[in-house]
């Protein structure tokens, strides 16, 4: 069933703009058909299409319930800034897998070095990708995509976000061991750090350890920077019983 977001859900919700056009033109839906809308806070409304106009779709709420697709853990992905379309892929798949927030971080080995104007354009596009991925995957929450230009700032921020892991190509503890506080429900929040194309520098790995982040391995094979977060999130979601 199609899923859309509507921040201010009233008695007769109205979907406007691109989503309204998508419903009428692309999906070719008709009055009487059903769709889901989410208030972006974890509540989902089963709605019947009442009226379809040129630029808006008027709905009627049939049923209200908590969104069952949101995981019971809060994961922030701190991803080393990557080049090209890799960021789009990371955002799309991470949102589908249940990440709460994605923060791109300028690291020593990041190839891409965008200026403020460039990063503003990227952030708009990246957040649009997150919105579309959240809608497609039936999420009840739209993960936010941000950018941090200083590695130390990301480290400082992660201290307030529970368990911290960094997935290190030079090895570390197994994921099962690293996420045991999440599995045992002693922690509900987790930050994961993934390096850019060239991986973490020695200085960055030392800072992560000093910040009490746990070096974690994804196995003996070296994964690409766009593969690592998908593998990490998949394993964490499985081990915490969020893929049933």
Protein backbone atom coordinates (compact mmCIF):
# COMPACT_ATOMS: atom_id res chain seq x y z
CA UNK A 1 0.00 0.00 0.00
CA UNK A 2 1.40 3.45 -0.89
CA UNK A 3 2.87 5.38 2.05
CA UNK A 4 3.18 9.17 2.35
CA UNK A 5 4.13 11.71 5.02
CA UNK A 6 1.93 14.48 6.36
CA UNK A 7 3.25 16.47 9.35
CA UNK A 8 -0.04 18.05 10.44
CA UNK A 9 -2.59 15.25 10.35
CA UNK A 10 -6.13 16.56 10.81
CA UNK A 11 -9.56 14.97 10.57
CA UNK A 12 -9.46 15.14 6.76
CA UNK A 13 -5.76 15.17 5.82
CA UNK A 14 -4.75 16.83 2.56
CA UNK A 15 -1.76 15.77 0.48
CA UNK A 16 -0.41 18.50 -1.77
CA UNK A 17 2.33 19.12 -4.33
CA UNK A 18 4.48 16.36 -5.82
CA UNK A 19 2.90 13.64 -3.70
CA UNK A 20 -0.59 14.60 -4.88
CA UNK A 21 0.56 14.48 -8.51
CA UNK A 22 2.25 11.13 -7.86
CA UNK A 23 -0.98 9.69 -6.44
CA UNK A 24 -3.17 10.87 -9.32
CA UNK A 25 -0.81 10.69 -12.32
CA UNK A 26 1.81 8.03 -11.57
CA UNK A 27 -0.14 5.66 -9.34
CA UNK A 28 -3.45 6.49 -11.09
CA UNK A 29 -5.35 6.04 -7.84
CA UNK A 30 -9.06 6.75 -7.61
CA UNK A 31 -11.45 7.93 -4.87
CA UNK A 32 -12.26 5.07 -2.53
CA UNK A 33 -8.78 3.52 -2.67
CA UNK A 34 -6.64 3.26 0.47
CA UNK A 35 -3.25 4.72 1.35
CA UNK A 36 -1.15 5.09 4.49
CA UNK A 37 0.09 8.43 5.77
CA UNK A 38 2.55 9.00 8.61
CA UNK A 39 2.78 12.07 10.82
CA UNK A 40 6.65 11.67 10.84
CA UNK A 41 6.51 10.99 14.59
CA UNK A 42 5.77 7.28 14.47
CA UNK A 43 1.98 7.25 14.02
CA UNK A 44 0.44 5.83 10.84
CA UNK A 45 -3.06 6.56 9.54
CA UNK A 46 -4.91 4.25 7.18
CA UNK A 47 -6.84 6.63 4.90
CA UNK A 48 -9.42 6.42 2.16
CA UNK A 49 -9.08 8.78 -0.79
CA UNK A 50 -12.06 11.10 -0.76
CA UNK A 51 -11.38 13.65 -3.50
CA UNK A 52 -8.61 14.05 -6.10
CA UNK A 53 -8.05 17.59 -7.43
CA UNK A 54 -5.40 19.01 -9.75
CA UNK A 55 -2.89 19.75 -7.00
CA UNK A 56 -4.18 18.03 -3.89
CA UNK A 57 -5.71 14.81 -2.60
CA UNK A 58 -8.26 14.96 0.24
CA UNK A 59 -8.36 11.94 2.52
CA UNK A 60 -10.58 10.43 5.18
CA UNK A 61 -8.98 8.72 8.20
CA UNK A 62 -10.16 5.14 8.67
CA UNK A 63 -7.76 3.87 11.33
CA UNK A 64 -4.87 5.15 13.47
CA UNK A 65 -2.03 3.00 14.80
CA UNK A 66 1.62 3.08 15.87
CA UNK A 67 4.10 2.48 13.08
CA UNK A 68 5.38 -1.09 13.32
CA UNK A 69 8.27 -0.60 10.90
CA UNK A 70 10.42 1.58 13.19
CA UNK A 71 13.23 -0.27 15.03
CA UNK A 72 13.44 -0.13 18.82
CA UNK A 73 17.02 1.15 18.65
CA UNK A 74 18.21 4.61 17.64
CA UNK A 75 21.22 4.44 15.29
CA UNK A 76 23.16 7.45 14.03
CA UNK A 77 25.50 6.79 11.11
CA UNK A 78 28.62 8.97 11.00
CA UNK A 79 29.83 8.37 7.46
CA UNK A 80 33.15 9.65 6.14
CA UNK A 81 32.37 12.04 3.30
CA UNK A 82 32.43 10.16 -0.01
CA UNK A 83 32.62 11.20 -3.65
CA UNK A 84 30.16 10.89 -6.52
CA UNK A 85 26.86 9.06 -6.17
CA UNK A 86 28.02 6.89 -3.28
CA UNK A 87 26.32 9.21 -0.79
CA UNK A 88 22.95 8.72 -2.50
CA UNK A 89 23.28 4.95 -2.30
CA UNK A 90 24.34 5.04 1.37
CA UNK A 91 21.39 7.28 2.30
CA UNK A 92 18.79 5.25 0.43
CA UNK A 93 19.84 1.86 1.78
CA UNK A 94 20.55 3.08 5.33
CA UNK A 95 17.08 4.62 5.56
CA UNK A 96 15.50 1.42 4.27
CA UNK A 97 17.36 -0.52 6.97
CA UNK A 98 16.13 1.72 9.80
CA UNK A 99 18.85 4.29 10.55
CA UNK A 100 17.62 7.27 12.61
CA UNK A 101 20.07 9.88 11.29
CA UNK A 102 22.92 10.11 8.79
CA UNK A 103 25.79 12.53 9.35
CA UNK A 104 28.44 12.93 6.65
CA UNK A 105 31.77 13.87 8.20
CA UNK A 106 34.84 15.41 6.55
CA UNK A 107 37.71 13.07 7.43
CA UNK A 108 41.42 13.19 6.65
CA UNK A 109 41.15 10.76 3.76
CA UNK A 110 37.90 12.13 2.31
CA UNK A 111 38.46 12.84 -1.38
CA UNK A 112 35.50 15.23 -1.63
CA UNK A 113 36.09 18.71 -0.15
CA UNK A 114 32.89 20.69 -0.82
CA UNK A 115 32.50 24.38 0.01
CA UNK A 116 29.51 25.74 1.94
CA UNK A 117 27.44 26.49 -1.16
CA UNK A 118 28.07 23.04 -2.58
CA UNK A 119 27.25 21.25 0.68
CA UNK A 120 23.96 23.17 1.00
CA UNK A 121 22.89 21.89 -2.43
CA UNK A 122 23.98 18.38 -1.56
CA UNK A 123 22.08 18.42 1.73
CA UNK A 124 18.85 19.42 0.02
CA UNK A 125 19.19 16.56 -2.46
CA UNK A 126 20.30 14.11 0.23
CA UNK A 127 17.31 14.89 2.43
CA UNK A 128 14.99 14.45 -0.56
CA UNK A 129 16.52 11.00 -1.08
CA UNK A 130 15.96 10.18 2.61
CA UNK A 131 12.32 11.29 2.35
CA UNK A 132 11.69 9.14 -0.72
CA UNK A 133 13.41 6.12 0.82
CA UNK A 134 11.42 6.52 4.05
CA UNK A 135 8.17 6.71 2.10
CA UNK A 136 9.01 3.72 -0.09
CA UNK A 137 10.03 1.53 2.86
CA UNK A 138 7.03 2.40 5.04
CA UNK A 139 8.96 4.24 7.73
CA UNK A 140 7.11 6.25 10.37
CA UNK A 141 9.97 8.71 10.70
CA UNK A 142 12.04 10.63 8.14
CA UNK A 143 15.76 10.31 8.97
CA UNK A 144 17.63 13.61 8.76
CA UNK A 145 20.86 13.96 6.74
CA UNK A 146 23.45 16.43 8.06
CA UNK A 147 27.07 17.40 7.43
CA UNK A 148 29.88 18.04 9.92
CA UNK A 149 33.09 19.57 8.63
CA UNK A 150 35.28 18.65 11.62
CA UNK A 151 35.97 15.12 12.84
CA UNK A 152 36.41 16.26 16.45
CA UNK A 153 32.92 17.79 16.39
CA UNK A 154 31.44 14.46 15.31
CA UNK A 155 33.31 12.69 18.12
CA UNK A 156 32.07 15.17 20.70
CA UNK A 157 28.48 14.85 19.48
CA UNK A 158 28.57 11.05 19.55
CA UNK A 159 29.30 11.06 23.30
CA UNK A 160 25.65 11.95 23.86
CA UNK A 161 24.41 9.16 21.61
CA UNK A 162 25.06 6.02 23.60
CA UNK A 163 27.21 3.13 22.44
CA UNK A 164 29.81 4.09 19.79
CA UNK A 165 31.34 1.68 17.28
CA UNK A 166 33.79 2.25 14.45
CA UNK A 167 34.10 -0.34 11.73
CA UNK A 168 37.83 -0.64 11.14
CA UNK A 169 39.57 -2.33 8.23
CA UNK A 170 42.50 -3.21 10.50
CA UNK A 171 40.29 -5.32 12.73
CA UNK A 172 38.43 -5.23 16.02
CA UNK A 173 35.91 -7.19 18.04
CA UNK A 174 33.10 -9.08 16.36
CA UNK A 175 29.86 -7.19 15.80
CA UNK A 176 27.95 -9.60 18.05
CA UNK A 177 30.24 -8.76 20.95
CA UNK A 178 30.25 -5.02 20.24
CA UNK A 179 26.45 -4.68 20.15
CA UNK A 180 25.72 -6.87 23.19
CA UNK A 181 24.53 -3.82 25.23
CA UNK A 182 21.89 -3.23 22.52
CA UNK A 183 20.89 -6.89 22.42
CA UNK A 184 20.55 -7.01 26.21
CA UNK A 185 18.57 -3.72 26.12
CA UNK A 186 21.08 -1.97 28.37
CA UNK A 187 21.46 0.63 25.60
CA UNK A 188 18.88 1.94 23.14
CA UNK A 189 21.12 4.36 21.21
CA UNK A 190 24.16 3.66 19.06
CA UNK A 191 26.57 5.66 16.91
CA UNK A 192 28.47 3.91 14.13
CA UNK A 193 31.46 5.42 12.33
CA UNK A 194 32.44 4.39 8.80
CA UNK A 195 35.56 5.73 7.10
CA UNK A 196 35.69 7.31 3.62
CA UNK A 197 37.28 5.68 0.53
CA UNK A 198 40.74 5.56 2.11
CA UNK A 199 39.54 4.46 5.52
CA UNK A 200 40.30 6.04 8.89
CA UNK A 201 43.69 7.66 9.43
CA UNK A 202 45.77 6.43 12.38
CA UNK A 203 45.08 9.72 14.16
CA UNK A 204 41.32 9.30 13.70
CA UNK A 205 41.34 5.70 14.93
CA UNK A 206 43.32 6.78 18.03
CA UNK A 207 40.81 9.57 18.71
CA UNK A 208 37.91 7.16 18.35
CA UNK A 209 39.45 4.78 20.88
CA UNK A 210 40.17 7.67 23.25
CA UNK A 211 36.51 8.57 22.91
CA UNK A 212 35.63 5.02 24.04
CA UNK A 213 34.40 3.96 20.63
CA UNK A 214 34.78 0.22 20.05
CA UNK A 215 36.83 -0.95 17.05
CA UNK A 216 34.61 -3.49 15.27
CA UNK A 217 35.27 -5.81 12.34
CA UNK A 218 33.05 -6.85 9.45
CA UNK A 219 35.31 -9.78 8.59
CA UNK A 220 38.59 -10.38 6.80
CA UNK A 221 37.49 -8.86 3.51
CA UNK A 222 37.94 -5.14 2.92
CA UNK A 223 34.55 -3.62 2.11
CA UNK A 224 33.97 -0.48 0.07
CA UNK A 225 32.90 2.60 1.99
CA UNK A 226 29.39 2.36 0.51
CA UNK A 227 29.12 -1.35 1.38
CA UNK A 228 30.30 -1.15 4.98
CA UNK A 229 27.39 0.85 6.47
CA UNK A 230 24.84 -1.40 4.77
CA UNK A 231 26.55 -4.51 6.12
CA UNK A 232 26.91 -3.00 9.60
CA UNK A 233 23.30 -1.84 9.82
CA UNK A 234 21.97 -5.16 8.53
CA UNK A 235 23.93 -7.13 11.13
CA UNK A 236 22.97 -4.80 13.98
CA UNK A 237 19.28 -4.85 13.05
CA UNK A 238 19.35 -8.64 12.84
CA UNK A 239 21.16 -9.12 16.17
CA UNK A 240 18.77 -6.73 17.96
CA UNK A 241 15.73 -8.58 16.63
CA UNK A 242 14.68 -5.73 14.36
CA UNK A 243 14.44 -7.79 11.17
CA UNK A 244 11.58 -10.11 12.14
